[in-house]
PDB file of all heavy atoms in Angstrom:
ATOM      1  N   ASN A   1       0.790  -1.301   0.012  1.00  0.00           N
ATOM      2  CA  ASN A   1      -0.052   0.073   0.009  1.00  0.00           C
ATOM      3  C   ASN A   1       0.831   1.268   0.006  1.00  0.00           C
ATOM      4  O   ASN A   1       0.630   2.172  -0.780  1.00  0.00           O
ATOM      5  CB  ASN A   1      -0.958   0.069   1.236  1.00  0.00           C
ATOM      6  CG  ASN A   1      -2.052  -1.034   1.064  1.00  0.00           C
ATOM      7  OD1 ASN A   1      -2.492  -1.329  -0.090  1.00  0.00           O
ATOM      8  ND2 ASN A   1      -2.490  -1.575   2.195  1.00  0.00           N
ATOM      9  N   ALA A   2       1.939   1.254   0.807  1.00  0.00           N
ATOM     10  CA  ALA A   2       2.773   2.433   0.828  1.00  0.00           C
ATOM     11  C   ALA A   2       3.506   2.742  -0.455  1.00  0.00           C
ATOM     12  O   ALA A   2       3.586   3.758  -0.942  1.00  0.00           O
ATOM     13  CB  ALA A   2       3.809   2.389   1.971  1.00  0.00           C
ATOM     14  N   LEU A   3       4.017   1.474  -0.991  1.00  0.00           N
ATOM     15  CA  LEU A   3       4.768   1.726  -2.283  1.00  0.00           C
ATOM     16  C   LEU A   3       3.893   2.119  -3.439  1.00  0.00           C
ATOM     17  O   LEU A   3       4.330   2.829  -4.189  1.00  0.00           O
ATOM     18  CB  LEU A   3       5.484   0.312  -2.522  1.00  0.00           C
ATOM     19  CG  LEU A   3       6.569  -0.048  -1.662  1.00  0.00           C
ATOM     20  CD1 LEU A   3       7.055  -1.519  -1.955  1.00  0.00           C
ATOM     21  CD2 LEU A   3       7.764   0.895  -1.743  1.00  0.00           C
ATOM     22  N   ARG A   4       2.638   1.622  -3.506  1.00  0.00           N
ATOM     23  CA  ARG A   4       1.774   2.021  -4.516  1.00  0.00           C
ATOM     24  C   ARG A   4       1.545   3.440  -4.577  1.00  0.00           C
ATOM     25  O   ARG A   4       1.510   4.171  -5.686  1.00  0.00           O
ATOM     26  CB  ARG A   4       0.510   1.203  -4.643  1.00  0.00           C
ATOM     27  CG  ARG A   4      -0.521   1.435  -3.561  1.00  0.00           C
ATOM     28  CD  ARG A   4      -1.801   0.715  -3.894  1.00  0.00           C
ATOM     29  NE  ARG A   4      -1.779  -0.639  -4.259  1.00  0.00           N
ATOM     30  CZ  ARG A   4      -2.158  -1.662  -3.554  1.00  0.00           C
ATOM     31  NH1 ARG A   4      -2.791  -1.467  -2.326  1.00  0.00           N
ATOM     32  NH2 ARG A   4      -2.005  -2.840  -3.909  1.00  0.00           N
ATOM     33  N   VAL A   5       1.412   4.123  -3.408  1.00  0.00           N
ATOM     34  CA  VAL A   5       1.224   5.548  -3.359  1.00  0.00           C
ATOM     35  C   VAL A   5       2.613   6.254  -3.812  1.00  0.00           C
ATOM     36  O   VAL A   5       2.610   7.195  -4.487  1.00  0.00           O
ATOM     37  CB  VAL A   5       0.774   5.951  -2.011  1.00  0.00           C
ATOM     38  CG1 VAL A   5       0.775   7.573  -1.822  1.00  0.00           C
ATOM     39  CG2 VAL A   5      -0.551   5.456  -1.681  1.00  0.00           C
ATOM     40  N   GLN A   6       3.682   5.768  -3.170  1.00  0.00           N
ATOM     41  CA  GLN A   6       4.912   6.408  -3.358  1.00  0.00           C
ATOM     42  C   GLN A   6       5.452   6.342  -4.820  1.00  0.00           C
ATOM     43  O   GLN A   6       6.060   7.269  -5.294  1.00  0.00           O
ATOM     44  CB  GLN A   6       5.972   5.827  -2.487  1.00  0.00           C
ATOM     45  CG  GLN A   6       7.319   6.549  -2.453  1.00  0.00           C
ATOM     46  CD  GLN A   6       8.217   6.096  -1.353  1.00  0.00           C
ATOM     47  OE1 GLN A   6       7.901   5.136  -0.571  1.00  0.00           O
ATOM     48  NE2 GLN A   6       9.402   6.668  -1.263  1.00  0.00           N
ATOM     49  N   LEU A   7       5.163   5.221  -5.521  1.00  0.00           N
ATOM     50  CA  LEU A   7       5.733   5.006  -6.936  1.00  0.00           C
ATOM     51  C   LEU A   7       4.702   5.442  -7.981  1.00  0.00           C
ATOM     52  O   LEU A   7       5.000   5.432  -9.148  1.00  0.00           O
ATOM     53  CB  LEU A   7       6.035   3.588  -7.095  1.00  0.00           C
ATOM     54  CG  LEU A   7       7.217   3.011  -6.256  1.00  0.00           C
ATOM     55  CD1 LEU A   7       7.331   1.599  -6.379  1.00  0.00           C
ATOM     56  CD2 LEU A   7       8.427   3.747  -6.641  1.00  0.00           C
ATOM     57  N   ALA A   8       3.396   5.856  -7.558  1.00  0.00           N
ATOM     58  CA  ALA A   8       2.370   6.150  -8.600  1.00  0.00           C
ATOM     59  C   ALA A   8       2.863   7.356  -9.482  1.00  0.00           C
ATOM     60  O   ALA A   8       2.682   7.259 -10.744  1.00  0.00           O
ATOM     61  CB  ALA A   8       1.135   6.522  -7.972  1.00  0.00           C
ATOM     62  N   ASP A   9       3.448   8.327  -8.927  1.00  0.00           N
ATOM     63  CA  ASP A   9       3.880   9.539  -9.775  1.00  0.00           C
ATOM     64  C   ASP A   9       5.081   9.178 -10.615  1.00  0.00           C
ATOM     65  O   ASP A   9       5.431  10.031 -11.530  1.00  0.00           O
ATOM     66  CB  ASP A   9       4.184  10.610  -8.849  1.00  0.00           C
ATOM     67  CG  ASP A   9       5.363  10.561  -7.934  1.00  0.00           C
ATOM     68  OD1 ASP A   9       5.913   9.325  -7.769  1.00  0.00           O
ATOM     69  OD2 ASP A   9       5.821  11.602  -7.303  1.00  0.00           O
ATOM     70  N   GLN A  10       5.652   7.977 -10.493  1.00  0.00           N
ATOM     71  CA  GLN A  10       6.726   7.546 -11.418  1.00  0.00           C
ATOM     72  C   GLN A  10       6.211   6.689 -12.512  1.00  0.00           C
ATOM     73  O   GLN A  10       6.937   6.005 -13.167  1.00  0.00           O
ATOM     74  CB  GLN A  10       7.937   6.864 -10.647  1.00  0.00           C
ATOM     75  CG  GLN A  10       8.547   7.829  -9.626  1.00  0.00           C
ATOM     76  CD  GLN A  10       9.582   6.969  -8.792  1.00  0.00           C
ATOM     77  OE1 GLN A  10      10.334   6.217  -9.386  1.00  0.00           O
ATOM     78  NE2 GLN A  10       9.527   7.154  -7.484  1.00  0.00           N
ATOM     79  N   GLY A  11       4.908   6.609 -12.579  1.00  0.00           N
ATOM     80  CA  GLY A  11       4.246   5.746 -13.534  1.00  0.00           C
ATOM     81  C   GLY A  11       4.349   4.266 -13.208  1.00  0.00           C
ATOM     82  O   GLY A  11       4.167   3.353 -14.084  1.00  0.00           O
ATOM     83  N   ILE A  12       4.497   3.910 -11.991  1.00  0.00           N
ATOM     84  CA  ILE A  12       4.587   2.511 -11.568  1.00  0.00           C
ATOM     85  C   ILE A  12       3.359   2.085 -10.694  1.00  0.00           C
ATOM     86  O   ILE A  12       3.091   2.787  -9.704  1.00  0.00           O
ATOM     87  CB  ILE A  12       5.919   2.191 -10.768  1.00  0.00           C
ATOM     88  CG1 ILE A  12       7.118   2.600 -11.588  1.00  0.00           C
ATOM     89  CG2 ILE A  12       5.895   0.760 -10.271  1.00  0.00           C
ATOM     90  CD1 ILE A  12       8.399   2.464 -10.795  1.00  0.00           C
ATOM     91  N   ARG A  13       2.624   1.122 -11.219  1.00  0.00           N
ATOM     92  CA  ARG A  13       1.413   0.574 -10.548  1.00  0.00           C
ATOM     93  C   ARG A  13       1.890  -0.538  -9.713  1.00  0.00           C
ATOM     94  O   ARG A  13       2.483  -1.462 -10.215  1.00  0.00           O
ATOM     95  CB  ARG A  13       0.354   0.184 -11.543  1.00  0.00           C
ATOM     96  CG  ARG A  13      -0.873  -0.484 -10.862  1.00  0.00           C
ATOM     97  CD  ARG A  13      -1.895  -0.809 -11.806  1.00  0.00           C
ATOM     98  NE  ARG A  13      -2.447   0.438 -12.415  1.00  0.00           N
ATOM     99  CZ  ARG A  13      -3.554   1.095 -11.853  1.00  0.00           C
ATOM    100  NH1 ARG A  13      -4.158   0.648 -10.809  1.00  0.00           N
ATOM    101  NH2 ARG A  13      -4.012   2.102 -12.428  1.00  0.00           N
ATOM    102  N   VAL A  14       1.635  -0.518  -8.422  1.00  0.00           N
ATOM    103  CA  VAL A  14       2.011  -1.711  -7.530  1.00  0.00           C
ATOM    104  C   VAL A  14       0.691  -2.413  -7.192  1.00  0.00           C
ATOM    105  O   VAL A  14      -0.246  -1.777  -6.611  1.00  0.00           O
ATOM    106  CB  VAL A  14       2.718  -1.059  -6.203  1.00  0.00           C
ATOM    107  CG1 VAL A  14       3.102  -2.274  -5.321  1.00  0.00           C
ATOM    108  CG2 VAL A  14       3.930  -0.283  -6.610  1.00  0.00           C
ATOM    109  N   ALA A  15       0.634  -3.610  -7.532  1.00  0.00           N
ATOM    110  CA  ALA A  15      -0.544  -4.412  -7.316  1.00  0.00           C
ATOM    111  C   ALA A  15      -0.209  -5.541  -6.376  1.00  0.00           C
ATOM    112  O   ALA A  15       1.048  -5.946  -6.241  1.00  0.00           O
ATOM    113  CB  ALA A  15      -0.957  -5.056  -8.623  1.00  0.00           C
ATOM    114  N   GLY A  16      -1.208  -5.924  -5.574  1.00  0.00           N
ATOM    115  CA  GLY A  16      -1.048  -7.092  -4.640  1.00  0.00           C
ATOM    116  C   GLY A  16      -1.913  -8.281  -5.203  1.00  0.00           C
ATOM    117  O   GLY A  16      -3.110  -8.086  -5.451  1.00  0.00           O
ATOM    118  N   LEU A  17      -1.325  -9.353  -5.159  1.00  0.00           N
ATOM    119  CA  LEU A  17      -1.940 -10.595  -5.670  1.00  0.00           C
ATOM    120  C   LEU A  17      -2.278 -11.370  -4.331  1.00  0.00           C
ATOM    121  O   LEU A  17      -1.355 -11.790  -3.600  1.00  0.00           O
ATOM    122  CB  LEU A  17      -1.197 -11.421  -6.548  1.00  0.00           C
ATOM    123  CG  LEU A  17      -1.719 -12.813  -6.946  1.00  0.00           C
ATOM    124  CD1 LEU A  17      -2.959 -12.737  -7.769  1.00  0.00           C
ATOM    125  CD2 LEU A  17      -0.646 -13.596  -7.629  1.00  0.00           C
ATOM    126  N   HIS A  18      -3.515 -11.533  -4.027  1.00  0.00           N
ATOM    127  CA  HIS A  18      -3.916 -12.294  -2.821  1.00  0.00           C
ATOM    128  C   HIS A  18      -4.421 -13.691  -3.258  1.00  0.00           C
ATOM    129  O   HIS A  18      -5.324 -13.775  -4.092  1.00  0.00           O
ATOM    130  CB  HIS A  18      -4.990 -11.485  -2.069  1.00  0.00           C
ATOM    131  CG  HIS A  18      -4.621 -10.254  -1.520  1.00  0.00           C
ATOM    132  ND1 HIS A  18      -3.947 -10.085  -0.363  1.00  0.00           N
ATOM    133  CD2 HIS A  18      -4.573  -9.018  -2.091  1.00  0.00           C
ATOM    134  CE1 HIS A  18      -3.658  -8.762  -0.083  1.00  0.00           C
ATOM    135  NE2 HIS A  18      -3.942  -8.112  -1.197  1.00  0.00           N
ATOM    136  N   VAL A  19      -3.812 -14.664  -2.708  1.00  0.00           N
ATOM    137  CA  VAL A  19      -4.217 -16.159  -2.991  1.00  0.00           C
ATOM    138  C   VAL A  19      -4.403 -16.839  -1.739  1.00  0.00           C
ATOM    139  O   VAL A  19      -3.704 -16.618  -0.768  1.00  0.00           O
ATOM    140  CB  VAL A  19      -3.064 -16.733  -3.816  1.00  0.00           C
ATOM    141  CG1 VAL A  19      -3.346 -18.111  -4.203  1.00  0.00           C
ATOM    142  CG2 VAL A  19      -2.572 -15.861  -4.954  1.00  0.00           C
ATOM    143  N   GLY A  20      -5.352 -17.756  -1.844  1.00  0.00           N
ATOM    144  CA  GLY A  20      -5.525 -18.725  -0.715  1.00  0.00           C
ATOM    145  C   GLY A  20      -4.551 -19.816  -0.870  1.00  0.00           C
ATOM    146  O   GLY A  20      -3.319 -19.607  -0.685  1.00  0.00           O
ATOM    147  N   TYR A  21      -5.070 -20.990  -1.204  1.00  0.00           N
ATOM    148  CA  TYR A  21      -4.090 -22.147  -1.315  1.00  0.00           C
ATOM    149  C   TYR A  21      -3.876 -22.362  -2.950  1.00  0.00           C
ATOM    150  O   TYR A  21      -4.703 -22.533  -3.639  1.00  0.00           O
ATOM    151  CB  TYR A  21      -4.779 -23.479  -0.810  1.00  0.00           C
ATOM    152  CG  TYR A  21      -4.862 -23.466   0.704  1.00  0.00           C
ATOM    153  CD1 TYR A  21      -6.147 -23.667   1.263  1.00  0.00           C
ATOM    154  CD2 TYR A  21      -3.795 -23.262   1.489  1.00  0.00           C
ATOM    155  CE1 TYR A  21      -6.179 -23.679   2.654  1.00  0.00           C
ATOM    156  CE2 TYR A  21      -3.880 -23.289   2.878  1.00  0.00           C
ATOM    157  CZ  TYR A  21      -5.111 -23.518   3.447  1.00  0.00           C
ATOM    158  OH  TYR A  21      -5.232 -23.478   4.819  1.00  0.00           O
ATOM    159  N   MET A  22      -2.621 -22.325  -3.190  1.00  0.00           N
ATOM    160  CA  MET A  22      -2.110 -22.659  -4.604  1.00  0.00           C
ATOM    161  C   MET A  22      -1.483 -24.056  -4.400  1.00  0.00           C
ATOM    162  O   MET A  22      -0.828 -24.339  -3.452  1.00  0.00           O
ATOM    163  CB  MET A  22      -1.126 -21.618  -4.997  1.00  0.00           C
ATOM    164  CG  MET A  22      -1.270 -21.230  -6.433  1.00  0.00           C
ATOM    165  SD  MET A  22      -0.101 -19.977  -7.038  1.00  0.00           S
ATOM    166  CE  MET A  22       0.551 -19.134  -5.653  1.00  0.00           C
ATOM    167  N   ASP A  23      -1.684 -24.851  -5.445  1.00  0.00           N
ATOM    168  CA  ASP A  23      -1.217 -26.210  -5.393  1.00  0.00           C
ATOM    169  C   ASP A  23       0.340 -26.285  -5.606  1.00  0.00           C
ATOM    170  O   ASP A  23       0.861 -26.371  -6.706  1.00  0.00           O
ATOM    171  CB  ASP A  23      -1.828 -26.988  -6.515  1.00  0.00           C
ATOM    172  CG  ASP A  23      -1.660 -28.490  -6.425  1.00  0.00           C
ATOM    173  OD1 ASP A  23      -1.097 -28.954  -5.382  1.00  0.00           O
ATOM    174  OD2 ASP A  23      -2.003 -29.266  -7.333  1.00  0.00           O
ATOM    175  N   THR A  24       1.041 -26.046  -4.490  1.00  0.00           N
ATOM    176  CA  THR A  24       2.520 -25.950  -4.525  1.00  0.00           C
ATOM    177  C   THR A  24       3.011 -26.887  -3.326  1.00  0.00           C
ATOM    178  O   THR A  24       2.170 -27.333  -2.524  1.00  0.00           O
ATOM    179  CB  THR A  24       3.050 -24.506  -4.211  1.00  0.00           C
ATOM    180  OG1 THR A  24       2.565 -24.165  -2.951  1.00  0.00           O
ATOM    181  CG2 THR A  24       2.432 -23.583  -5.303  1.00  0.00           C
ATOM    182  N   GLU A  25       4.243 -27.043  -3.291  1.00  0.00           N
ATOM    183  CA  GLU A  25       4.957 -27.779  -2.228  1.00  0.00           C
ATOM    184  C   GLU A  25       4.592 -27.267  -0.877  1.00  0.00           C
ATOM    185  O   GLU A  25       4.427 -28.003   0.057  1.00  0.00           O
ATOM    186  CB  GLU A  25       6.467 -27.722  -2.477  1.00  0.00           C
ATOM    187  CG  GLU A  25       7.256 -28.570  -1.527  1.00  0.00           C
ATOM    188  CD  GLU A  25       7.036 -30.119  -1.715  1.00  0.00           C
ATOM    189  OE1 GLU A  25       6.646 -30.531  -2.815  1.00  0.00           O
ATOM    190  OE2 GLU A  25       7.249 -30.820  -0.826  1.00  0.00           O
ATOM    191  N   MET A  26       4.483 -25.944  -0.725  1.00  0.00           N
ATOM    192  CA  MET A  26       4.220 -25.302   0.525  1.00  0.00           C
ATOM    193  C   MET A  26       2.967 -25.876   1.229  1.00  0.00           C
ATOM    194  O   MET A  26       2.910 -26.020   2.467  1.00  0.00           O
ATOM    195  CB  MET A  26       4.130 -23.803   0.310  1.00  0.00           C
ATOM    196  CG  MET A  26       3.854 -23.060   1.607  1.00  0.00           C
ATOM    197  SD  MET A  26       3.757 -21.349   1.153  1.00  0.00           S
ATOM    198  CE  MET A  26       2.637 -20.801   2.378  1.00  0.00           C
ATOM    199  N   VAL A  27       1.945 -26.180   0.473  1.00  0.00           N
ATOM    200  CA  VAL A  27       0.673 -26.631   1.035  1.00  0.00           C
ATOM    201  C   VAL A  27       0.299 -28.082   0.633  1.00  0.00           C
ATOM    202  O   VAL A  27      -0.948 -28.449   0.662  1.00  0.00           O
ATOM    203  CB  VAL A  27      -0.490 -25.691   0.710  1.00  0.00           C
ATOM    204  CG1 VAL A  27      -0.211 -24.250   1.321  1.00  0.00           C
ATOM    205  CG2 VAL A  27      -0.674 -25.551  -0.830  1.00  0.00           C
ATOM    206  N   ARG A  28       1.246 -28.774   0.257  1.00  0.00           N
ATOM    207  CA  ARG A  28       0.968 -30.241  -0.061  1.00  0.00           C
ATOM    208  C   ARG A  28       0.154 -31.001   0.900  1.00  0.00           C
ATOM    209  O   ARG A  28      -0.740 -31.695   0.559  1.00  0.00           O
ATOM    210  CB  ARG A  28       2.280 -30.927  -0.440  1.00  0.00           C
ATOM    211  CG  ARG A  28       2.005 -32.374  -0.839  1.00  0.00           C
ATOM    212  CD  ARG A  28       3.234 -33.246  -1.206  1.00  0.00           C
ATOM    213  NE  ARG A  28       4.497 -32.570  -1.019  1.00  0.00           N
ATOM    214  CZ  ARG A  28       5.559 -33.166  -0.688  1.00  0.00           C
ATOM    215  NH1 ARG A  28       5.603 -34.457  -0.478  1.00  0.00           N
ATOM    216  NH2 ARG A  28       6.784 -32.522  -0.594  1.00  0.00           N
ATOM    217  N   ALA A  29       0.470 -30.767   2.144  1.00  0.00           N
ATOM    218  CA  ALA A  29      -0.150 -31.486   3.277  1.00  0.00           C
ATOM    219  C   ALA A  29      -1.518 -30.885   3.670  1.00  0.00           C
ATOM    220  O   ALA A  29      -2.288 -31.560   4.417  1.00  0.00           O
ATOM    221  CB  ALA A  29       0.740 -31.561   4.456  1.00  0.00           C
TER     222      ALA A  29
END
């Protein structure tokens, strides 16, 4: 959130990707 405001005037959009469970090693169990 802080970076998206700080970088907006430089033409940089900062997005956050929110994910629950992705089928990866991390959540195999």
